[in-house]
Amino acid sequence: MTDSGTHKKNLNHQGSQSANAKPKAKNGHKRPISGNKPAQAVQASQQAGSRKAKSPRELAMDTLVKVAQTGAYSNLQLNRTLQDAGLQRADAGLVTELVYGTIQRQATLDYWLGRFVSKGLNKLEPWVHQLLRMSAYQLLYLDRIPAHAAVNEAVTIAKKRGHSGISGMVNGVLRSIDRGRDELQASAIKHADPIVQIALRHSYPEWLVSRWVSAYGADQAERICAAGNAHPHSSVRVNSLKGSREDAIALLMEAGYDAKPSAVAPAGIAVERGGNLADTAGFRDGLWSVQDESSMLVAEVVAPKAGMQVLDCCAAPGGKSTHLAELMEGKGKVWANDLHAHKRDLIVTQSERLKLRNVEAITEDALKLADRFKPNSMDAVLLDAPCSGFGVIKRKPEIKWTKTLGDVSDIAAVQHRLLNAVCDLVRPGGVLVYSTCTIERDENEKQIADFLQAHSEFELDPGWPEPILDQLRKAGVIDEHFEGQAQLLPQHFDSDGFYIARMIKRS
């Protein structure tokens, strides 16, 4: 449900990094950053006046404290920080890397820090704890940041924010970590309990690892955790009404992007290197949209035809709605619904940019759509449901620390109500597609099993587009017993974890 529901995917911007701000991770990839234009940086600098600007590391620390204390989404808080600071691209890249990386690896970082903080981590002030985490992350996970730069600036920040005792403690802890870097390797962490070992090595809460081990086995669960810590690449969906994927790839490569066809999405292009894909001529001209490759499969599985009446129940910001409209060749009608008026505006903006006239954005509680539309009035209904979002951890790493088992149960209950509320809108012979961006079986396979048991008029439909099925078979996502539902894990295509079920209403 990356395009709708409780978790929205941020646009994945990638940028170059240099000099002291070279946060290249050990796997060689770079973090997505929000590309600030030079004019914005100048304006912010002018507004700052005589105020002394904070360093990138101090900005990162402040962002980490706010995310931890307020529960803010990391991408939203980070974007606010970068916009207010007006940093150059290299410094923005450093802040971005430090925020995402520190949140992702915080359990492993605390495991190591606990060896050197004598009074215990729970006794530290929040800003000191985040400063130590962030600095340890640089020392242990970022090859191209000099150790002296990480340590010296941490001490400078500690002196500025605290007193000599704090700065001395920070200096001592970080220098001890620097000296022991060869031994402080996550892969070397051993524990008799495999769940604890996976949780410490890959920095996940034990309850979540335990659920994934139960659902997928220990080996697969560890792969899920590792994939969730990987740096996400960018991807775009080609607007088939305005050109071919081959033409779009050529344009991207001419502009300096490393672009290649998606391994799974027919309209997708994977982009490994480049800048802000939403700040390109092709995006502005409606040639492509920024969307994760797994998310692109949802509309393809709906497989709408020109002239159909289609309802997207939880549509904002409109990625799947506009994809449906493109597949329908601009003919028929896609009703794109969202609960909030400001999110409806996002759908309108997308539709106008893509020059799609067959999308009508509406505002309604999805539980009340049956009051707005007649029974059996839709050829296809898409419910891209609110979910726990565990499939998009690589883009929103705080999810694994803020969500609880109780949240999974609560969200599953909402999904159950939504399915029951919209299913009668499907005409006999029509299609109901349910999707989420999580890998929780209570929200996915179990949700659909319960729905089908209560609604005998629906059945799973394996009639997915063959090119997609072929790629899913090759990746081991599905086998010869495929019935019409699939769970993509984040390691399958280096994309988001996604669940999709296609159902037909019996005539």
Protein backbone atom coordinates (compact mmCIF):
# COMPACT_ATOMS: atom_id res chain seq x y z
CA MET A 1 0.00 0.00 0.00
CA THR A 2 2.90 2.28 -0.60
CA ASP A 3 0.87 4.75 -2.59
CA SER A 4 -1.95 4.86 -0.05
CA GLY A 5 -2.98 4.15 3.49
CA THR A 6 -0.99 4.84 6.62
CA HIS A 7 2.46 4.72 5.02
CA LYS A 8 3.41 6.62 1.87
CA LYS A 9 6.61 6.11 0.05
CA ASN A 10 8.80 9.18 -0.22
CA LEU A 11 10.16 10.10 -3.65
CA ASN A 12 13.55 8.47 -3.82
CA HIS A 13 16.12 11.11 -4.67
CA GLN A 14 19.76 10.23 -5.12
CA GLY A 15 22.65 12.64 -5.27
CA SER A 16 26.42 12.88 -5.47
CA GLN A 17 28.58 13.33 -2.40
CA SER A 18 32.11 14.57 -1.99
CA ALA A 19 35.06 15.61 0.20
CA ASN A 20 34.57 15.18 3.93
CA ALA A 21 30.88 14.53 3.26
CA LYS A 22 31.46 11.29 1.42
CA PRO A 23 29.02 8.92 3.08
CA LYS A 24 29.62 5.99 0.85
CA ALA A 25 28.47 2.87 2.65
CA LYS A 26 30.39 -0.36 2.66
CA ASN A 27 28.14 -1.88 0.00
CA GLY A 28 28.98 0.92 -2.39
CA HIS A 29 25.47 2.40 -2.73
CA LYS A 30 24.34 5.85 -1.73
CA ARG A 31 21.40 7.06 0.24
CA PRO A 32 18.41 8.75 -1.35
CA ILE A 33 18.49 12.46 -0.69
CA SER A 34 16.19 15.37 -1.37
CA GLY A 35 17.86 17.44 -4.04
CA ASN A 36 17.97 21.08 -2.90
CA LYS A 37 18.43 23.58 -5.69
CA PRO A 38 21.24 26.15 -5.38
CA ALA A 39 18.67 28.97 -5.35
CA GLN A 40 17.01 27.44 -2.32
CA ALA A 41 20.34 27.24 -0.57
CA VAL A 42 21.05 30.92 -1.27
CA GLN A 43 17.62 31.96 -0.06
CA ALA A 44 17.93 29.96 3.14
CA SER A 45 21.38 31.39 3.75
CA GLN A 46 20.06 34.93 3.36
CA GLN A 47 17.19 34.23 5.75
CA ALA A 48 19.59 32.86 8.32
CA GLY A 49 21.27 36.26 8.54
CA SER A 50 23.86 36.44 11.20
CA ARG A 51 22.93 33.14 12.81
CA LYS A 52 25.76 30.64 12.87
CA ALA A 53 24.81 27.72 10.65
CA LYS A 54 24.80 24.26 12.15
CA SER A 55 27.12 21.66 10.69
CA PRO A 56 25.67 18.72 8.71
CA ARG A 57 26.41 16.36 11.61
CA GLU A 58 24.67 18.62 14.13
CA LEU A 59 21.65 18.86 11.82
CA ALA A 60 21.61 15.08 11.52
CA MET A 61 21.76 14.70 15.29
CA ASP A 62 18.89 17.15 15.78
CA THR A 63 16.81 15.25 13.22
CA LEU A 64 17.50 11.94 14.95
CA VAL A 65 16.43 13.37 18.31
CA LYS A 66 13.17 14.71 16.85
CA VAL A 67 12.35 11.43 15.12
CA ALA A 68 13.03 9.48 18.33
CA GLN A 69 11.14 11.84 20.64
CA THR A 70 8.12 12.73 18.49
CA GLY A 71 7.68 9.60 16.39
CA ALA A 72 7.92 11.68 13.20
CA TYR A 73 8.52 9.90 9.91
CA SER A 74 12.24 10.13 9.17
CA ASN A 75 11.77 11.22 5.55
CA LEU A 76 9.39 14.04 6.47
CA GLN A 77 11.52 15.33 9.34
CA LEU A 78 14.64 15.05 7.19
CA ASN A 79 13.04 16.99 4.34
CA ARG A 80 12.08 19.77 6.74
CA THR A 81 15.62 19.89 8.10
CA LEU A 82 17.17 20.08 4.64
CA GLN A 83 14.74 22.70 3.39
CA ASP A 84 15.31 24.91 6.43
CA ALA A 85 19.11 24.56 6.27
CA GLY A 86 19.46 25.06 2.50
CA LEU A 87 22.54 22.86 2.28
CA GLN A 88 24.62 22.14 -0.78
CA ARG A 89 24.06 18.69 -2.27
CA ALA A 90 27.14 17.05 -0.73
CA ASP A 91 26.25 18.21 2.78
CA ALA A 92 22.60 17.23 2.27
CA GLY A 93 23.85 13.80 1.25
CA LEU A 94 25.85 13.48 4.46
CA VAL A 95 22.89 14.47 6.64
CA THR A 96 20.66 12.00 4.80
CA GLU A 97 23.11 9.13 5.14
CA LEU A 98 23.62 9.76 8.84
CA VAL A 99 19.92 9.97 9.63
CA TYR A 100 18.79 6.89 7.71
CA GLY A 101 21.85 4.81 8.54
CA THR A 102 21.82 5.56 12.25
CA ILE A 103 18.12 4.70 12.57
CA GLN A 104 18.57 1.52 10.57
CA ARG A 105 21.53 0.26 12.61
CA GLN A 106 20.63 1.60 16.07
CA ALA A 107 20.28 -1.76 17.82
CA THR A 108 23.67 -2.97 16.58
CA LEU A 109 25.24 0.39 17.39
CA ASP A 110 23.83 0.25 20.92
CA TYR A 111 25.19 -3.28 21.28
CA TRP A 112 28.70 -1.98 20.62
CA LEU A 113 28.27 1.30 22.52
CA GLY A 114 27.14 -0.60 25.58
CA ARG A 115 30.67 -1.99 25.91
CA PHE A 116 32.19 1.46 26.30
CA VAL A 117 29.59 3.64 28.07
CA SER A 118 30.23 2.72 31.67
CA LYS A 119 27.11 4.26 33.22
CA GLY A 120 24.78 2.65 30.67
CA LEU A 121 23.05 4.02 27.59
CA ASN A 122 19.76 4.56 29.39
CA LYS A 123 21.40 7.18 31.60
CA LEU A 124 22.47 9.35 28.65
CA GLU A 125 20.64 12.47 27.59
CA PRO A 126 18.79 11.84 24.29
CA TRP A 127 21.04 14.13 22.25
CA VAL A 128 24.19 12.50 23.66
CA HIS A 129 22.86 9.04 22.87
CA GLN A 130 22.04 10.04 19.29
CA LEU A 131 25.42 11.76 18.90
CA LEU A 132 27.21 8.58 19.95
CA ARG A 133 25.06 6.41 17.70
CA MET A 134 25.56 8.69 14.70
CA SER A 135 29.32 8.90 15.24
CA ALA A 136 29.69 5.16 15.78
CA TYR A 137 27.74 4.62 12.56
CA GLN A 138 30.32 6.67 10.67
CA LEU A 139 33.21 4.75 12.19
CA LEU A 140 31.75 1.27 11.69
CA TYR A 141 29.70 1.53 8.49
CA LEU A 142 31.04 4.35 6.31
CA ASP A 143 34.41 3.65 4.69
CA ARG A 144 35.00 7.06 3.15
CA ILE A 145 34.55 9.25 6.20
CA PRO A 146 37.89 9.77 8.01
CA ALA A 147 37.76 8.64 11.61
CA HIS A 148 39.26 11.90 12.84
CA ALA A 149 36.48 13.88 11.14
CA ALA A 150 33.77 11.83 12.83
CA VAL A 151 35.40 11.91 16.27
CA ASN A 152 36.54 15.53 16.25
CA GLU A 153 33.20 16.95 15.21
CA ALA A 154 31.36 14.78 17.73
CA VAL A 155 33.57 16.25 20.44
CA THR A 156 32.94 19.76 19.11
CA ILE A 157 29.18 19.21 19.22
CA ALA A 158 29.44 17.76 22.72
CA LYS A 159 31.36 20.81 23.95
CA LYS A 160 28.82 23.13 22.32
CA ARG A 161 25.78 21.33 23.74
CA GLY A 162 27.10 20.07 27.04
CA HIS A 163 30.18 20.37 29.25
CA SER A 164 33.71 19.07 29.43
CA GLY A 165 32.65 15.87 31.14
CA ILE A 166 30.31 14.95 28.29
CA SER A 167 32.82 15.87 25.59
CA GLY A 168 35.51 13.84 27.34
CA MET A 169 33.23 10.82 27.58
CA VAL A 170 32.25 11.14 23.90
CA ASN A 171 35.91 11.40 22.90
CA GLY A 172 36.89 8.35 24.95
CA VAL A 173 34.03 6.15 23.72
CA LEU A 174 34.54 6.98 20.06
CA ARG A 175 38.31 6.55 20.17
CA SER A 176 37.81 3.13 21.79
CA ILE A 177 35.43 2.18 18.97
CA ASP A 178 37.88 3.45 16.39
CA ARG A 179 40.68 1.35 17.85
CA GLY A 180 38.49 -1.76 17.92
CA ARG A 181 36.90 -1.38 14.48
CA ASP A 182 38.42 -4.60 13.12
CA GLU A 183 36.69 -6.60 15.86
CA LEU A 184 33.40 -4.68 15.93
CA GLN A 185 31.86 -6.40 12.95
CA ALA A 186 28.15 -7.20 12.90
CA SER A 187 28.79 -10.51 11.13
CA ALA A 188 30.88 -11.60 14.12
CA ILE A 189 28.07 -11.21 16.64
CA LYS A 190 27.20 -14.63 18.08
CA HIS A 191 24.29 -15.66 20.26
CA ALA A 192 22.83 -19.02 21.24
CA ASP A 193 19.35 -17.83 20.23
CA PRO A 194 19.22 -17.39 16.43
CA ILE A 195 16.47 -14.79 16.73
CA VAL A 196 18.59 -12.64 19.04
CA GLN A 197 21.61 -13.11 16.76
CA ILE A 198 19.69 -11.96 13.66
CA ALA A 199 18.20 -9.04 15.58
CA LEU A 200 21.62 -7.85 16.77
CA ARG A 201 23.46 -8.42 13.51
CA HIS A 202 20.91 -6.62 11.36
CA SER A 203 19.42 -4.26 13.95
CA TYR A 204 15.77 -5.28 14.27
CA PRO A 205 13.46 -5.74 17.26
CA GLU A 206 13.37 -9.34 18.42
CA TRP A 207 9.58 -9.61 18.27
CA LEU A 208 9.61 -8.76 14.58
CA VAL A 209 12.44 -11.15 13.76
CA SER A 210 10.60 -13.87 15.66
CA ARG A 211 7.47 -13.39 13.55
CA TRP A 212 9.44 -13.51 10.32
CA VAL A 213 11.34 -16.63 11.41
CA SER A 214 8.01 -18.29 12.16
CA ALA A 215 6.54 -17.24 8.83
CA TYR A 216 9.50 -17.67 6.49
CA GLY A 217 12.23 -19.63 8.31
CA ALA A 218 15.48 -18.33 9.81
CA ASP A 219 17.46 -18.08 6.55
CA GLN A 220 14.75 -16.17 4.71
CA ALA A 221 14.10 -13.95 7.72
CA GLU A 222 17.77 -12.97 7.83
CA ARG A 223 17.67 -12.13 4.12
CA ILE A 224 14.60 -9.97 4.74
CA CYS A 225 16.44 -8.10 7.48
CA ALA A 226 19.56 -7.60 5.35
CA ALA A 227 17.50 -6.34 2.41
CA GLY A 228 15.72 -3.88 4.67
CA ASN A 229 19.08 -2.28 5.47
CA ALA A 230 20.14 -1.95 1.84
CA HIS A 231 20.24 1.42 0.12
CA PRO A 232 17.15 1.75 -2.09
CA HIS A 233 17.59 2.57 -5.73
CA SER A 234 15.25 4.82 -7.65
CA SER A 235 12.74 3.69 -10.24
CA VAL A 236 10.27 5.29 -12.61
CA ARG A 237 7.15 4.08 -14.40
CA VAL A 238 6.90 5.01 -18.05
CA ASN A 239 3.69 6.68 -19.22
CA SER A 240 2.81 4.32 -22.07
CA LEU A 241 0.52 6.96 -23.62
CA LYS A 242 3.51 9.23 -24.23
CA GLY A 243 6.29 6.90 -25.28
CA SER A 244 8.07 3.59 -24.90
CA ARG A 245 10.29 2.33 -22.11
CA GLU A 246 13.21 2.18 -24.53
CA ASP A 247 12.81 5.85 -25.42
CA ALA A 248 12.60 6.82 -21.74
CA ILE A 249 15.75 4.85 -20.92
CA ALA A 250 17.58 6.65 -23.72
CA LEU A 251 16.51 10.03 -22.36
CA LEU A 252 17.58 9.14 -18.84
CA MET A 253 20.96 7.87 -19.97
CA GLU A 254 21.51 11.01 -22.04
CA ALA A 255 20.85 13.01 -18.87
CA GLY A 256 23.52 11.03 -17.00
CA TYR A 257 21.41 8.45 -15.21
CA ASP A 258 22.32 4.76 -14.90
CA ALA A 259 19.00 3.38 -16.17
CA LYS A 260 17.94 -0.12 -17.16
CA PRO A 261 14.65 -2.00 -17.62
CA SER A 262 13.03 -3.24 -14.44
CA ALA A 263 13.45 -6.97 -13.84
CA VAL A 264 9.81 -7.37 -12.87
CA ALA A 265 7.66 -4.36 -13.83
CA PRO A 266 6.78 -4.09 -17.56
CA ALA A 267 6.64 -0.29 -17.46
CA GLY A 268 9.43 0.13 -14.92
CA ILE A 269 12.94 1.51 -15.19
CA ALA A 270 15.48 0.97 -12.41
CA VAL A 271 17.88 3.86 -11.79
CA GLU A 272 21.02 3.20 -9.76
CA ARG A 273 22.73 6.57 -9.99
CA GLY A 274 21.53 10.08 -10.64
CA GLY A 275 19.81 13.04 -9.07
CA ASN A 276 16.22 13.88 -8.27
CA LEU A 277 14.08 12.02 -10.80
CA ALA A 278 11.11 14.26 -10.01
CA ASP A 279 13.21 17.24 -11.05
CA THR A 280 13.68 16.20 -14.64
CA ALA A 281 12.15 17.34 -17.92
CA GLY A 282 10.75 13.85 -18.50
CA PHE A 283 8.90 13.94 -15.19
CA ARG A 284 7.55 17.44 -15.72
CA ASP A 285 6.43 16.54 -19.24
CA GLY A 286 4.56 13.49 -17.97
CA LEU A 287 6.84 10.91 -19.61
CA TRP A 288 7.33 9.04 -16.35
CA SER A 289 6.33 8.87 -12.68
CA VAL A 290 8.48 8.02 -9.68
CA GLN A 291 7.26 4.72 -8.21
CA ASP A 292 8.73 1.57 -6.70
CA GLU A 293 8.87 -1.45 -9.00
CA SER A 294 6.83 -3.70 -6.72
CA SER A 295 4.14 -1.05 -6.47
CA MET A 296 3.96 -0.92 -10.27
CA LEU A 297 2.75 -4.52 -10.37
CA VAL A 298 -0.54 -3.73 -8.65
CA ALA A 299 -2.23 -1.93 -11.54
CA GLU A 300 -0.81 -4.50 -13.96
CA VAL A 301 -2.50 -7.26 -11.93
CA VAL A 302 -5.80 -5.37 -11.98
CA ALA A 303 -5.33 -5.47 -15.78
CA PRO A 304 -8.05 -2.92 -16.61
CA LYS A 305 -9.30 -2.50 -20.16
CA ALA A 306 -10.16 0.68 -22.01
CA GLY A 307 -13.67 1.88 -21.22
CA MET A 308 -13.97 0.19 -17.82
CA GLN A 309 -15.26 1.72 -14.59
CA VAL A 310 -12.52 1.28 -11.96
CA LEU A 311 -12.38 2.35 -8.32
CA ASP A 312 -9.14 2.90 -6.39
CA CYS A 313 -10.33 3.05 -2.79
CA CYS A 314 -7.27 4.46 -0.99
CA ALA A 315 -5.55 6.22 -3.83
CA ALA A 316 -3.30 9.07 -2.67
CA PRO A 317 -0.84 10.17 -3.88
CA GLY A 318 -2.17 8.64 -7.09
CA GLY A 319 0.58 6.41 -8.45
CA LYS A 320 -1.61 3.36 -8.92
CA SER A 321 -4.64 5.37 -10.07
CA THR A 322 -2.70 7.04 -12.84
CA HIS A 323 -1.11 3.73 -13.80
CA LEU A 324 -4.60 2.22 -14.11
CA ALA A 325 -5.63 5.15 -16.30
CA GLU A 326 -2.59 4.69 -18.54
CA LEU A 327 -3.32 0.98 -18.95
CA MET A 328 -6.89 1.94 -19.92
CA GLU A 329 -5.45 4.14 -22.72
CA GLY A 330 -7.11 7.18 -21.22
CA LYS A 331 -10.59 5.76 -21.80
CA GLY A 332 -13.29 4.87 -19.29
CA LYS A 333 -13.10 6.18 -15.72
CA VAL A 334 -10.83 5.69 -12.73
CA TRP A 335 -12.38 6.91 -9.52
CA ALA A 336 -9.43 7.79 -7.27
CA ASN A 337 -10.59 8.15 -3.68
CA ASP A 338 -8.87 9.35 -0.54
CA LEU A 339 -10.11 10.31 2.89
CA HIS A 340 -8.29 13.65 3.04
CA ALA A 341 -8.81 16.66 0.78
CA HIS A 342 -5.13 17.63 0.75
CA LYS A 343 -4.25 14.13 -0.44
CA ARG A 344 -6.91 14.35 -3.13
CA ASP A 345 -4.99 17.37 -4.39
CA LEU A 346 -1.92 15.16 -4.84
CA ILE A 347 -3.93 12.85 -7.10
CA VAL A 348 -5.17 15.80 -9.15
CA THR A 349 -1.62 17.09 -9.55
CA GLN A 350 -0.41 13.68 -10.76
CA SER A 351 -3.28 13.31 -13.23
CA GLU A 352 -2.78 16.78 -14.67
CA ARG A 353 0.98 16.29 -15.06
CA LEU A 354 0.37 13.06 -16.96
CA LYS A 355 -2.45 14.62 -19.01
CA LEU A 356 -4.88 11.91 -17.96
CA ARG A 357 -8.51 12.94 -18.43
CA ASN A 358 -10.06 9.67 -17.25
CA VAL A 359 -9.13 10.06 -13.57
CA GLU A 360 -11.63 11.65 -11.22
CA ALA A 361 -10.27 12.30 -7.73
CA ILE A 362 -12.83 12.19 -4.93
CA THR A 363 -12.78 12.58 -1.15
CA GLU A 364 -14.61 10.00 0.92
CA ASP A 365 -14.16 7.61 3.81
CA ALA A 366 -13.44 4.31 2.05
CA LEU A 367 -15.77 2.60 4.53
CA LYS A 368 -18.61 4.71 3.09
CA LEU A 369 -17.94 4.25 -0.63
CA ALA A 370 -20.94 1.91 -0.83
CA ASP A 371 -23.10 4.93 -0.02
CA ARG A 372 -21.65 6.81 -2.98
CA PHE A 373 -21.62 4.09 -5.62
CA LYS A 374 -24.24 1.51 -6.49
CA PRO A 375 -23.70 -2.21 -5.86
CA ASN A 376 -22.18 -4.11 -8.81
CA SER A 377 -21.24 -0.80 -10.48
CA MET A 378 -17.49 -1.34 -10.90
CA ASP A 379 -15.63 -3.51 -13.38
CA ALA A 380 -12.65 -3.49 -11.03
CA VAL A 381 -11.97 -2.35 -7.48
CA LEU A 382 -8.49 -1.86 -6.07
CA LEU A 383 -8.03 -1.77 -2.31
CA ASP A 384 -4.44 -0.77 -1.67
CA ALA A 385 -4.98 -1.00 2.06
CA PRO A 386 -3.46 0.77 5.05
CA CYS A 387 -0.81 -1.53 6.49
CA SER A 388 2.10 -1.85 8.90
CA GLY A 389 4.54 -0.90 6.13
CA PHE A 390 7.18 -3.50 6.94
CA GLY A 391 7.92 -3.88 3.23
CA VAL A 392 9.30 -0.33 2.98
CA ILE A 393 11.70 -0.36 5.94
CA LYS A 394 14.65 0.50 3.71
CA ARG A 395 12.89 3.81 2.90
CA LYS A 396 11.41 4.45 6.36
CA PRO A 397 13.70 2.65 8.82
CA GLU A 398 11.95 4.01 11.92
CA ILE A 399 8.96 1.75 11.12
CA LYS A 400 10.70 -1.25 12.66
CA TRP A 401 11.18 0.63 15.94
CA THR A 402 7.80 2.39 16.18
CA LYS A 403 5.39 -0.38 15.15
CA THR A 404 4.21 -2.97 17.65
CA LEU A 405 2.43 -6.30 17.54
CA GLY A 406 -0.68 -4.47 18.69
CA ASP A 407 -0.42 -2.15 15.68
CA VAL A 408 -0.46 -5.17 13.35
CA SER A 409 -3.66 -6.45 14.95
CA ASP A 410 -5.31 -3.02 14.83
CA ILE A 411 -4.41 -2.46 11.19
CA ALA A 412 -5.58 -5.94 10.20
CA ALA A 413 -8.96 -5.14 11.74
CA VAL A 414 -9.22 -1.98 9.62
CA GLN A 415 -8.30 -3.94 6.50
CA HIS A 416 -11.02 -6.47 7.27
CA ARG A 417 -13.64 -3.73 7.52
CA LEU A 418 -12.48 -2.09 4.31
CA LEU A 419 -12.66 -5.33 2.31
CA ASN A 420 -16.19 -5.99 3.52
CA ALA A 421 -17.19 -2.39 2.80
CA VAL A 422 -16.10 -2.25 -0.86
CA CYS A 423 -16.50 -5.81 -2.18
CA ASP A 424 -20.19 -5.40 -3.10
CA LEU A 425 -19.23 -2.64 -5.55
CA VAL A 426 -17.64 -5.22 -7.85
CA ARG A 427 -19.95 -6.44 -10.62
CA PRO A 428 -20.39 -10.17 -11.23
CA GLY A 429 -17.41 -11.24 -13.32
CA GLY A 430 -15.47 -8.20 -12.13
CA VAL A 431 -12.10 -7.97 -10.37
CA LEU A 432 -11.17 -7.17 -6.77
CA VAL A 433 -7.46 -6.61 -6.12
CA TYR A 434 -6.10 -6.29 -2.60
CA SER A 435 -2.55 -5.08 -1.98
CA THR A 436 -0.27 -3.93 0.84
CA CYS A 437 3.37 -2.90 1.23
CA THR A 438 3.95 -5.22 4.17
CA ILE A 439 5.13 -8.81 4.60
CA GLU A 440 2.93 -9.58 7.61
CA ARG A 441 0.80 -12.65 6.93
CA ASP A 442 -1.95 -11.49 9.30
CA GLU A 443 -2.41 -8.52 6.98
CA ASN A 444 -1.98 -10.48 3.77
CA GLU A 445 -2.59 -14.21 3.24
CA LYS A 446 -4.63 -14.64 6.41
CA GLN A 447 -6.64 -11.52 5.63
CA ILE A 448 -7.60 -12.87 2.22
CA ALA A 449 -8.27 -16.39 3.51
CA ASP A 450 -10.71 -14.98 6.05
CA PHE A 451 -12.35 -12.79 3.41
CA LEU A 452 -12.84 -15.64 0.96
CA GLN A 453 -14.27 -17.84 3.67
CA ALA A 454 -16.87 -15.16 4.44
CA HIS A 455 -17.53 -14.24 0.79
CA SER A 456 -18.08 -17.36 -1.28
CA GLU A 457 -18.98 -15.18 -4.26
CA PHE A 458 -15.26 -14.37 -4.67
CA GLU A 459 -12.37 -16.63 -5.62
CA LEU A 460 -8.66 -16.13 -6.20
CA ASP A 461 -7.75 -15.65 -9.85
CA PRO A 462 -4.34 -16.76 -11.20
CA GLY A 463 -4.90 -14.85 -14.44
CA TRP A 464 -2.06 -12.38 -13.93
CA PRO A 465 -0.16 -11.00 -16.95
CA GLU A 466 2.17 -13.74 -18.16
CA PRO A 467 5.33 -11.58 -18.38
CA ILE A 468 4.97 -10.78 -14.69
CA LEU A 469 4.29 -14.41 -13.76
CA ASP A 470 7.37 -15.47 -15.69
CA GLN A 471 9.61 -13.11 -13.72
CA LEU A 472 8.03 -14.12 -10.41
CA ARG A 473 8.67 -17.79 -11.18
CA LYS A 474 12.30 -17.11 -12.07
CA ALA A 475 12.80 -15.28 -8.77
CA GLY A 476 11.15 -18.07 -6.79
CA VAL A 477 8.29 -15.85 -5.63
CA ILE A 478 5.66 -18.28 -6.95
CA ASP A 479 5.63 -21.91 -8.04
CA GLU A 480 3.44 -24.21 -10.12
CA HIS A 481 0.73 -24.03 -7.45
CA PHE A 482 0.11 -20.30 -7.95
CA GLU A 483 -3.52 -19.48 -7.19
CA GLY A 484 -3.64 -15.71 -7.59
CA GLN A 485 -1.78 -14.19 -4.66
CA ALA A 486 1.91 -13.40 -4.26
CA GLN A 487 4.17 -12.09 -1.53
CA LEU A 488 7.20 -10.21 -2.84
CA LEU A 489 9.97 -9.94 -0.26
CA PRO A 490 12.43 -7.02 -0.40
CA GLN A 491 15.30 -9.26 -1.48
CA HIS A 492 13.47 -10.68 -4.51
CA PHE A 493 13.97 -7.68 -6.80
CA ASP A 494 15.76 -5.19 -4.55
CA SER A 495 12.42 -3.40 -4.34
CA ASP A 496 9.74 -2.94 -1.70
CA GLY A 497 8.09 -5.88 0.00
CA PHE A 498 4.57 -6.14 -1.44
CA TYR A 499 1.58 -8.44 -1.28
CA ILE A 500 -0.98 -8.65 -4.11
CA ALA A 501 -4.10 -10.80 -4.41
CA ARG A 502 -6.39 -10.83 -7.45
CA MET A 503 -9.93 -12.09 -6.97
CA ILE A 504 -12.87 -12.56 -9.32
CA LYS A 505 -16.52 -12.18 -8.37
CA ARG A 506 -18.37 -15.19 -9.65
CA SER A 507 -21.08 -14.43 -12.23
